[in-house]
N, C-alpha and C. Protein backbone atom coordinates (compact mmCIF):
# COMPACT_ATOMS: atom_id res chain seq x y z
N MET A 1 0.83 -1.19 0.00
CA MET A 1 0.00 0.00 0.00
C MET A 1 0.87 1.25 0.00
N ALA A 2 0.32 2.36 -0.48
CA ALA A 2 1.06 3.60 -0.56
C ALA A 2 1.12 4.29 0.79
N CYS A 3 2.05 5.26 0.88
CA CYS A 3 2.14 6.06 2.10
C CYS A 3 0.80 6.74 2.34
N GLY A 4 0.42 6.85 3.59
CA GLY A 4 -0.85 7.48 3.91
C GLY A 4 -2.04 6.58 3.68
N SER A 5 -1.78 5.32 3.42
CA SER A 5 -2.87 4.39 3.14
C SER A 5 -3.59 3.99 4.42
N SER A 6 -4.66 3.24 4.25
CA SER A 6 -5.43 2.81 5.42
C SER A 6 -4.63 1.86 6.29
N GLU A 7 -3.72 1.07 5.69
CA GLU A 7 -2.87 0.18 6.49
C GLU A 7 -1.97 1.00 7.40
N ASN A 8 -1.43 2.08 6.87
CA ASN A 8 -0.57 2.97 7.65
C ASN A 8 -1.37 3.58 8.81
N GLN A 9 -2.59 4.03 8.52
CA GLN A 9 -3.45 4.61 9.55
C GLN A 9 -3.81 3.57 10.60
N PHE A 10 -4.07 2.34 10.16
CA PHE A 10 -4.39 1.26 11.08
C PHE A 10 -3.23 1.04 12.06
N MET A 11 -2.00 0.99 11.54
CA MET A 11 -0.84 0.76 12.41
C MET A 11 -0.69 1.90 13.41
N GLN A 12 -0.93 3.12 12.98
CA GLN A 12 -0.84 4.25 13.89
C GLN A 12 -1.88 4.10 15.00
N ASN A 13 -3.09 3.70 14.65
CA ASN A 13 -4.14 3.51 15.65
C ASN A 13 -3.78 2.40 16.63
N VAL A 14 -3.17 1.32 16.14
CA VAL A 14 -2.73 0.23 17.02
C VAL A 14 -1.72 0.76 18.03
N TYR A 15 -0.77 1.56 17.57
CA TYR A 15 0.22 2.11 18.49
C TYR A 15 -0.43 3.02 19.53
N PHE A 16 -1.38 3.85 19.09
CA PHE A 16 -2.06 4.72 20.05
C PHE A 16 -2.80 3.91 21.10
N LEU A 17 -3.49 2.84 20.68
CA LEU A 17 -4.20 1.99 21.63
C LEU A 17 -3.23 1.32 22.60
N LEU A 18 -2.10 0.86 22.08
CA LEU A 18 -1.09 0.23 22.93
C LEU A 18 -0.56 1.22 23.96
N ILE A 19 -0.26 2.42 23.52
CA ILE A 19 0.25 3.44 24.44
C ILE A 19 -0.81 3.78 25.48
N ASP A 20 -2.07 3.94 25.05
CA ASP A 20 -3.15 4.23 26.00
C ASP A 20 -3.27 3.13 27.06
N ALA A 21 -3.22 1.88 26.62
CA ALA A 21 -3.33 0.76 27.57
C ALA A 21 -2.16 0.76 28.55
N LEU A 22 -0.98 1.04 28.05
CA LEU A 22 0.19 1.04 28.93
C LEU A 22 0.18 2.23 29.89
N TRP A 23 -0.29 3.39 29.41
CA TRP A 23 -0.40 4.53 30.32
C TRP A 23 -1.42 4.23 31.42
N TYR A 24 -2.51 3.56 31.06
CA TYR A 24 -3.51 3.17 32.05
C TYR A 24 -2.86 2.25 33.09
N SER A 25 -2.08 1.30 32.62
CA SER A 25 -1.36 0.38 33.50
C SER A 25 -0.39 1.16 34.40
N TYR A 26 0.27 2.15 33.82
CA TYR A 26 1.22 2.99 34.55
C TYR A 26 0.50 3.73 35.68
N ALA A 27 -0.66 4.31 35.35
CA ALA A 27 -1.42 5.05 36.36
C ALA A 27 -1.93 4.11 37.46
N LYS A 28 -2.39 2.93 37.10
CA LYS A 28 -2.91 1.96 38.07
C LYS A 28 -1.82 1.45 39.00
N SER A 29 -0.57 1.43 38.53
CA SER A 29 0.51 0.89 39.35
C SER A 29 1.11 1.95 40.28
N GLY A 30 0.48 3.11 40.33
CA GLY A 30 0.97 4.15 41.23
C GLY A 30 2.16 4.92 40.65
N GLY A 31 2.30 4.94 39.35
CA GLY A 31 3.35 5.73 38.73
C GLY A 31 4.61 4.97 38.42
N TYR A 32 4.61 3.65 38.60
CA TYR A 32 5.80 2.86 38.31
C TYR A 32 5.91 2.66 36.79
N LEU A 33 7.00 3.11 36.20
CA LEU A 33 7.22 3.00 34.76
C LEU A 33 7.80 1.63 34.46
N SER A 34 6.96 0.75 33.95
CA SER A 34 7.40 -0.63 33.69
C SER A 34 8.28 -0.70 32.45
N GLY A 35 9.00 -1.80 32.35
CA GLY A 35 9.85 -2.02 31.18
C GLY A 35 9.05 -2.04 29.91
N ALA A 36 7.84 -2.62 29.97
CA ALA A 36 6.99 -2.70 28.78
C ALA A 36 6.62 -1.31 28.29
N LEU A 37 6.33 -0.40 29.24
CA LEU A 37 5.97 0.95 28.85
C LEU A 37 7.17 1.67 28.24
N LYS A 38 8.35 1.48 28.83
CA LYS A 38 9.56 2.10 28.28
C LYS A 38 9.80 1.61 26.85
N ILE A 39 9.63 0.31 26.64
CA ILE A 39 9.84 -0.25 25.31
C ILE A 39 8.80 0.30 24.33
N SER A 40 7.51 0.34 24.77
CA SER A 40 6.49 0.83 23.85
C SER A 40 6.70 2.29 23.51
N LEU A 41 7.13 3.09 24.47
CA LEU A 41 7.40 4.50 24.17
C LEU A 41 8.54 4.62 23.18
N SER A 42 9.54 3.75 23.32
CA SER A 42 10.65 3.76 22.38
C SER A 42 10.16 3.41 20.97
N TYR A 43 9.31 2.38 20.86
CA TYR A 43 8.75 2.01 19.56
C TYR A 43 7.85 3.11 19.02
N TYR A 44 7.09 3.74 19.92
CA TYR A 44 6.22 4.82 19.49
C TYR A 44 7.05 5.97 18.92
N ASP A 45 8.16 6.33 19.61
CA ASP A 45 9.04 7.39 19.10
C ASP A 45 9.57 7.03 17.71
N LYS A 46 9.99 5.78 17.55
CA LYS A 46 10.48 5.34 16.24
C LYS A 46 9.37 5.39 15.20
N PHE A 47 8.15 5.03 15.60
CA PHE A 47 7.01 5.07 14.69
C PHE A 47 6.75 6.51 14.25
N ILE A 48 6.78 7.44 15.18
CA ILE A 48 6.56 8.85 14.85
C ILE A 48 7.66 9.35 13.92
N GLN A 49 8.92 8.95 14.18
CA GLN A 49 10.02 9.33 13.29
C GLN A 49 9.79 8.75 11.89
N LEU A 50 9.35 7.50 11.83
CA LEU A 50 9.07 6.86 10.55
C LEU A 50 7.95 7.60 9.82
N GLN A 51 6.91 7.97 10.55
CA GLN A 51 5.81 8.72 9.93
C GLN A 51 6.33 10.02 9.33
N GLY A 52 7.19 10.72 10.07
CA GLY A 52 7.78 11.96 9.56
C GLY A 52 8.62 11.70 8.33
N SER A 53 9.38 10.62 8.38
CA SER A 53 10.23 10.25 7.25
C SER A 53 9.38 9.92 6.02
N ILE A 54 8.28 9.22 6.22
CA ILE A 54 7.38 8.88 5.12
C ILE A 54 6.80 10.15 4.51
N ARG A 55 6.40 11.10 5.37
CA ARG A 55 5.85 12.36 4.86
C ARG A 55 6.89 13.13 4.06
N VAL A 56 8.12 13.20 4.58
CA VAL A 56 9.20 13.91 3.88
C VAL A 56 9.47 13.23 2.54
N ARG A 57 9.52 11.91 2.55
CA ARG A 57 9.78 11.15 1.32
C ARG A 57 8.66 11.40 0.30
N LYS A 58 7.42 11.41 0.76
CA LYS A 58 6.30 11.65 -0.14
C LYS A 58 6.37 13.07 -0.71
N MET A 59 6.73 14.04 0.13
CA MET A 59 6.87 15.42 -0.34
C MET A 59 7.98 15.52 -1.38
N LEU A 60 9.11 14.83 -1.14
CA LEU A 60 10.22 14.85 -2.09
C LEU A 60 9.79 14.20 -3.40
N LEU A 61 9.09 13.09 -3.33
CA LEU A 61 8.61 12.43 -4.55
C LEU A 61 7.73 13.39 -5.35
N GLU A 62 6.81 14.07 -4.69
CA GLU A 62 5.91 15.00 -5.38
C GLU A 62 6.70 16.17 -5.99
N LYS A 63 7.68 16.68 -5.26
CA LYS A 63 8.51 17.79 -5.76
C LYS A 63 9.27 17.36 -7.02
N LEU A 64 9.95 16.21 -6.94
CA LEU A 64 10.75 15.75 -8.08
C LEU A 64 9.86 15.34 -9.26
N LYS A 65 8.69 14.77 -8.98
CA LYS A 65 7.75 14.46 -10.07
C LYS A 65 7.35 15.74 -10.79
N ALA A 66 7.06 16.78 -10.04
CA ALA A 66 6.66 18.05 -10.65
C ALA A 66 7.79 18.63 -11.50
N LEU A 67 9.01 18.59 -10.97
CA LEU A 67 10.15 19.09 -11.75
C LEU A 67 10.35 18.25 -13.01
N GLU A 68 10.29 16.95 -12.85
CA GLU A 68 10.49 16.04 -14.00
C GLU A 68 9.41 16.29 -15.06
N CYS A 69 8.17 16.38 -14.62
CA CYS A 69 7.07 16.58 -15.56
C CYS A 69 7.12 17.96 -16.22
N SER A 70 7.76 18.92 -15.56
CA SER A 70 7.91 20.24 -16.19
C SER A 70 8.78 20.13 -17.45
N LEU A 71 9.60 19.10 -17.50
CA LEU A 71 10.44 18.87 -18.68
C LEU A 71 9.71 18.09 -19.76
N HIS A 72 8.48 17.69 -19.50
CA HIS A 72 7.69 16.92 -20.46
C HIS A 72 6.63 17.78 -21.14
N GLY A 73 6.44 18.98 -20.69
CA GLY A 73 5.34 19.80 -21.18
C GLY A 73 5.80 21.09 -21.82
N VAL A 74 5.05 22.15 -21.54
CA VAL A 74 5.26 23.44 -22.21
C VAL A 74 6.59 24.10 -21.84
N ARG A 75 7.16 23.78 -20.70
CA ARG A 75 8.44 24.38 -20.32
C ARG A 75 9.63 23.64 -20.93
N ARG A 76 9.33 22.58 -21.65
CA ARG A 76 10.36 21.71 -22.23
C ARG A 76 11.35 22.48 -23.11
N ASN A 77 10.89 23.53 -23.79
CA ASN A 77 11.81 24.29 -24.64
C ASN A 77 12.05 25.71 -24.13
N ASP A 78 11.85 25.92 -22.86
CA ASP A 78 12.11 27.21 -22.21
C ASP A 78 13.59 27.24 -21.77
N ARG A 79 14.42 27.92 -22.57
CA ARG A 79 15.87 27.93 -22.33
C ARG A 79 16.22 28.39 -20.92
N LYS A 80 15.58 29.45 -20.45
CA LYS A 80 15.88 29.97 -19.11
C LYS A 80 15.57 28.92 -18.04
N TRP A 81 14.43 28.24 -18.17
CA TRP A 81 14.05 27.20 -17.22
C TRP A 81 15.05 26.04 -17.26
N LEU A 82 15.43 25.63 -18.46
CA LEU A 82 16.39 24.54 -18.61
C LEU A 82 17.73 24.88 -17.96
N GLU A 83 18.18 26.12 -18.15
CA GLU A 83 19.46 26.54 -17.55
C GLU A 83 19.38 26.54 -16.03
N GLN A 84 18.20 26.79 -15.51
CA GLN A 84 18.00 26.81 -14.06
C GLN A 84 17.91 25.40 -13.48
N ILE A 85 17.25 24.49 -14.17
CA ILE A 85 16.95 23.18 -13.60
C ILE A 85 18.02 22.12 -13.90
N LEU A 86 18.78 22.28 -14.97
CA LEU A 86 19.82 21.30 -15.30
C LEU A 86 21.12 21.64 -14.59
N HIS A 87 21.66 20.68 -13.88
CA HIS A 87 22.92 20.84 -13.15
C HIS A 87 24.03 21.20 -14.14
N PRO A 88 25.01 22.01 -13.73
CA PRO A 88 26.11 22.38 -14.63
C PRO A 88 26.85 21.17 -15.24
N GLU A 89 26.88 20.05 -14.54
CA GLU A 89 27.57 18.85 -15.05
C GLU A 89 26.58 17.84 -15.65
N PHE A 90 25.38 18.29 -16.00
CA PHE A 90 24.34 17.40 -16.51
C PHE A 90 24.82 16.57 -17.69
N ARG A 91 24.43 15.30 -17.68
CA ARG A 91 24.65 14.37 -18.79
C ARG A 91 23.36 13.57 -18.99
N GLU A 92 23.14 13.18 -20.23
CA GLU A 92 21.99 12.33 -20.54
C GLU A 92 22.42 11.24 -21.50
N ILE A 93 21.91 10.05 -21.27
CA ILE A 93 22.00 8.99 -22.26
C ILE A 93 20.61 8.90 -22.86
N THR A 94 20.51 9.29 -24.12
CA THR A 94 19.20 9.38 -24.76
C THR A 94 18.59 8.00 -24.99
N ARG A 95 17.34 8.02 -25.37
CA ARG A 95 16.61 6.79 -25.66
C ARG A 95 17.31 5.97 -26.74
N SER A 96 18.02 6.66 -27.64
CA SER A 96 18.73 5.96 -28.73
C SER A 96 20.17 5.62 -28.36
N GLY A 97 20.58 5.91 -27.11
CA GLY A 97 21.91 5.51 -26.65
C GLY A 97 23.01 6.54 -26.85
N VAL A 98 22.66 7.76 -27.22
CA VAL A 98 23.65 8.81 -27.44
C VAL A 98 23.86 9.59 -26.14
N ILE A 99 25.13 9.88 -25.82
CA ILE A 99 25.45 10.68 -24.63
C ILE A 99 25.50 12.15 -25.02
N VAL A 100 24.73 12.98 -24.31
CA VAL A 100 24.73 14.42 -24.57
C VAL A 100 24.96 15.17 -23.27
N ASP A 101 25.54 16.37 -23.38
CA ASP A 101 25.80 17.18 -22.19
C ASP A 101 24.73 18.26 -22.05
N ARG A 102 24.91 19.11 -21.06
CA ARG A 102 23.94 20.15 -20.73
C ARG A 102 23.72 21.10 -21.91
N THR A 103 24.82 21.58 -22.49
CA THR A 103 24.73 22.54 -23.58
C THR A 103 23.97 21.95 -24.77
N GLU A 104 24.30 20.72 -25.14
CA GLU A 104 23.61 20.06 -26.26
C GLU A 104 22.13 19.84 -25.95
N THR A 105 21.83 19.47 -24.72
CA THR A 105 20.44 19.22 -24.32
C THR A 105 19.63 20.50 -24.38
N ILE A 106 20.17 21.58 -23.82
CA ILE A 106 19.45 22.85 -23.82
C ILE A 106 19.22 23.32 -25.25
N ALA A 107 20.25 23.25 -26.10
CA ALA A 107 20.12 23.68 -27.49
C ALA A 107 19.06 22.86 -28.22
N SER A 108 19.11 21.56 -28.04
CA SER A 108 18.17 20.67 -28.72
C SER A 108 16.72 20.92 -28.28
N LEU A 109 16.50 21.01 -26.98
CA LEU A 109 15.14 21.22 -26.48
C LEU A 109 14.62 22.62 -26.81
N ALA A 110 15.49 23.63 -26.69
CA ALA A 110 15.06 25.01 -26.96
C ALA A 110 14.69 25.20 -28.43
N ASP A 111 15.29 24.40 -29.32
CA ASP A 111 15.02 24.53 -30.75
C ASP A 111 13.83 23.71 -31.23
N GLU A 112 13.23 22.91 -30.36
CA GLU A 112 12.05 22.14 -30.77
C GLU A 112 10.93 23.08 -31.19
N LEU A 113 10.41 22.88 -32.40
CA LEU A 113 9.35 23.74 -32.89
C LEU A 113 8.01 23.41 -32.25
N SER A 114 7.71 22.15 -32.15
CA SER A 114 6.46 21.74 -31.49
C SER A 114 6.82 20.61 -30.52
N PRO A 115 7.05 21.00 -29.26
CA PRO A 115 7.46 19.99 -28.27
C PRO A 115 6.44 18.86 -28.16
N THR A 116 6.95 17.65 -28.12
CA THR A 116 6.11 16.48 -27.94
C THR A 116 5.62 16.44 -26.50
N ILE A 117 4.34 16.22 -26.33
CA ILE A 117 3.80 16.07 -24.98
C ILE A 117 4.07 14.63 -24.54
N ILE A 118 4.77 14.50 -23.44
CA ILE A 118 5.15 13.19 -22.93
C ILE A 118 4.31 12.89 -21.70
N LEU A 119 3.72 11.72 -21.67
CA LEU A 119 2.95 11.28 -20.51
C LEU A 119 3.83 10.37 -19.67
N SER A 120 3.64 10.40 -18.36
CA SER A 120 4.49 9.60 -17.48
C SER A 120 3.66 8.95 -16.38
N SER A 121 4.21 7.84 -15.85
CA SER A 121 3.50 7.11 -14.80
C SER A 121 4.48 6.27 -14.00
N ASP A 122 3.96 5.64 -12.96
CA ASP A 122 4.71 4.67 -12.15
C ASP A 122 6.00 5.25 -11.56
N PHE A 123 5.90 6.42 -10.97
CA PHE A 123 7.08 7.05 -10.37
C PHE A 123 7.51 6.31 -9.11
N ARG A 124 8.81 6.11 -8.98
CA ARG A 124 9.39 5.50 -7.78
C ARG A 124 10.62 6.32 -7.40
N LEU A 125 10.78 6.54 -6.12
CA LEU A 125 11.87 7.36 -5.62
C LEU A 125 12.86 6.52 -4.84
N LEU A 126 14.13 6.74 -5.09
CA LEU A 126 15.20 6.12 -4.33
C LEU A 126 16.04 7.25 -3.75
N SER A 127 15.95 7.47 -2.44
CA SER A 127 16.74 8.52 -1.79
C SER A 127 18.15 8.02 -1.54
N ILE A 128 19.11 8.85 -1.89
CA ILE A 128 20.51 8.52 -1.65
C ILE A 128 21.08 9.68 -0.84
N GLY A 129 20.99 9.57 0.47
CA GLY A 129 21.42 10.67 1.33
C GLY A 129 20.39 11.78 1.32
N GLU A 130 20.78 12.92 1.89
CA GLU A 130 19.86 14.04 2.00
C GLU A 130 19.83 14.91 0.76
N CYS A 131 20.86 14.82 -0.07
CA CYS A 131 20.99 15.75 -1.19
C CYS A 131 20.98 15.08 -2.55
N CYS A 132 20.56 13.84 -2.61
CA CYS A 132 20.57 13.13 -3.89
C CYS A 132 19.42 12.12 -3.91
N ALA A 133 18.76 12.05 -5.05
CA ALA A 133 17.65 11.10 -5.21
C ALA A 133 17.57 10.65 -6.66
N ILE A 134 17.17 9.40 -6.83
CA ILE A 134 16.96 8.86 -8.17
C ILE A 134 15.47 8.63 -8.35
N LEU A 135 14.97 9.10 -9.47
CA LEU A 135 13.56 8.95 -9.80
C LEU A 135 13.45 8.01 -11.00
N HIS A 136 12.70 6.91 -10.83
CA HIS A 136 12.44 5.95 -11.91
C HIS A 136 10.98 6.11 -12.31
N TYR A 137 10.71 6.03 -13.61
CA TYR A 137 9.32 6.11 -14.08
C TYR A 137 9.22 5.65 -15.53
N LYS A 138 8.00 5.58 -16.03
CA LYS A 138 7.73 5.19 -17.41
C LYS A 138 7.19 6.40 -18.17
N THR A 139 7.52 6.48 -19.46
CA THR A 139 6.95 7.52 -20.31
C THR A 139 6.43 6.91 -21.60
N PHE A 140 5.55 7.67 -22.26
CA PHE A 140 5.02 7.29 -23.56
C PHE A 140 4.36 8.52 -24.16
N ASN A 141 4.24 8.53 -25.48
CA ASN A 141 3.55 9.62 -26.15
C ASN A 141 2.04 9.44 -25.96
N SER A 142 1.30 10.49 -26.25
CA SER A 142 -0.15 10.45 -26.02
C SER A 142 -0.85 9.36 -26.84
N ASP A 143 -0.23 8.93 -27.95
CA ASP A 143 -0.82 7.85 -28.75
C ASP A 143 -0.35 6.47 -28.27
N GLY A 144 0.41 6.43 -27.18
CA GLY A 144 0.89 5.17 -26.61
C GLY A 144 2.22 4.69 -27.19
N SER A 145 2.74 5.40 -28.17
CA SER A 145 4.00 4.99 -28.79
C SER A 145 5.21 5.45 -27.97
N ARG A 146 6.36 4.95 -28.33
CA ARG A 146 7.66 5.32 -27.75
C ARG A 146 7.72 5.12 -26.23
N ALA A 147 7.21 4.01 -25.76
CA ALA A 147 7.27 3.70 -24.32
C ALA A 147 8.73 3.56 -23.89
N SER A 148 9.06 4.20 -22.79
CA SER A 148 10.43 4.17 -22.28
C SER A 148 10.44 4.02 -20.77
N LEU A 149 11.51 3.45 -20.27
CA LEU A 149 11.80 3.45 -18.84
C LEU A 149 12.80 4.57 -18.62
N ARG A 150 12.57 5.38 -17.61
CA ARG A 150 13.40 6.56 -17.37
C ARG A 150 14.01 6.52 -15.97
N SER A 151 15.21 7.05 -15.87
CA SER A 151 15.87 7.24 -14.58
C SER A 151 16.50 8.61 -14.58
N SER A 152 16.26 9.35 -13.52
CA SER A 152 16.83 10.69 -13.37
C SER A 152 17.50 10.79 -12.01
N CYS A 153 18.68 11.36 -11.99
CA CYS A 153 19.39 11.60 -10.74
C CYS A 153 19.30 13.10 -10.43
N TRP A 154 18.66 13.42 -9.32
CA TRP A 154 18.48 14.80 -8.88
C TRP A 154 19.39 15.08 -7.70
N VAL A 155 20.03 16.25 -7.70
CA VAL A 155 20.88 16.65 -6.57
C VAL A 155 20.39 18.00 -6.05
N TYR A 156 20.49 18.14 -4.73
CA TYR A 156 20.14 19.42 -4.11
C TYR A 156 21.40 20.28 -4.15
N SER A 157 21.36 21.35 -4.91
CA SER A 157 22.56 22.13 -5.21
C SER A 157 22.88 23.18 -4.15
N ASP A 158 24.04 23.78 -4.31
CA ASP A 158 24.46 24.88 -3.44
C ASP A 158 23.56 26.10 -3.63
N ARG A 159 22.83 26.13 -4.72
CA ARG A 159 21.91 27.25 -4.98
C ARG A 159 20.58 27.07 -4.26
N GLY A 160 20.47 25.98 -3.48
CA GLY A 160 19.26 25.76 -2.69
C GLY A 160 18.08 25.25 -3.48
N GLN A 161 18.35 24.49 -4.53
CA GLN A 161 17.27 23.93 -5.34
C GLN A 161 17.68 22.57 -5.87
N TRP A 162 16.68 21.79 -6.26
CA TRP A 162 16.94 20.49 -6.88
C TRP A 162 17.29 20.70 -8.34
N GLU A 163 18.37 20.05 -8.78
CA GLU A 163 18.82 20.14 -10.17
C GLU A 163 19.01 18.75 -10.73
N LEU A 164 18.68 18.61 -12.00
CA LEU A 164 18.82 17.33 -12.69
C LEU A 164 20.27 17.16 -13.12
N ALA A 165 20.94 16.13 -12.58
CA ALA A 165 22.35 15.90 -12.88
C ALA A 165 22.54 14.83 -13.96
N PHE A 166 21.62 13.88 -14.03
CA PHE A 166 21.76 12.79 -14.99
C PHE A 166 20.38 12.26 -15.35
N HIS A 167 20.24 11.87 -16.61
CA HIS A 167 18.98 11.28 -17.07
C HIS A 167 19.28 10.21 -18.11
N GLN A 168 18.51 9.13 -18.05
CA GLN A 168 18.64 8.08 -19.07
C GLN A 168 17.26 7.56 -19.43
N GLY A 169 17.05 7.40 -20.73
CA GLY A 169 15.82 6.80 -21.23
C GLY A 169 16.15 5.52 -21.97
N THR A 170 15.42 4.47 -21.66
CA THR A 170 15.64 3.17 -22.31
C THR A 170 14.31 2.69 -22.88
N PRO A 171 14.28 2.35 -24.18
CA PRO A 171 13.02 1.87 -24.76
C PRO A 171 12.53 0.61 -24.04
N VAL A 172 11.22 0.54 -23.84
CA VAL A 172 10.62 -0.67 -23.29
C VAL A 172 10.74 -1.75 -24.37
N ALA A 173 11.07 -2.96 -23.98
CA ALA A 173 11.22 -4.05 -24.94
C ALA A 173 9.99 -4.14 -25.84
N GLY A 174 10.22 -4.14 -27.14
CA GLY A 174 9.12 -4.25 -28.09
C GLY A 174 8.43 -2.94 -28.42
N ALA A 175 8.84 -1.84 -27.77
CA ALA A 175 8.20 -0.54 -28.02
C ALA A 175 8.69 0.04 -29.34
N VAL A 176 7.79 0.74 -30.02
CA VAL A 176 8.13 1.38 -31.30
C VAL A 176 8.52 2.81 -31.05
């Protein structure tokens, strides 16, 4: 199930009930903090940290999805936007296997006369430390053609923003 799902909510409710029962036990025992209560509080703290981590991860996924999708739509040939979002050391391995750098990518995209609208789905995030993340997803044209598997490496730069450092597109087996 996804973050924020009913299973996640169920587990949170179980922890709250467990803590309530143990606090009741604590009060009934005249204030003696039992080992079980200490352990449950420790697990509860870890659960709360995990919940925070899940929220942060979900927020990062949404942020990087939005940035990635901005490169699939109307901003795709906006030179100023591309210069802002592409890391100075950006490299791409294109769908056809060609390696291009930042300058070539910006020139190519900025010169597109009618940018292709790219649809995307199945986003998955792999966090690598606090300042780096890999985004995996699928793309295809609106007519279903040119299906590709995509991977993008995003880094949080010294300029205080996420920048695309690397991208690779690989055709889905059998895709035209």
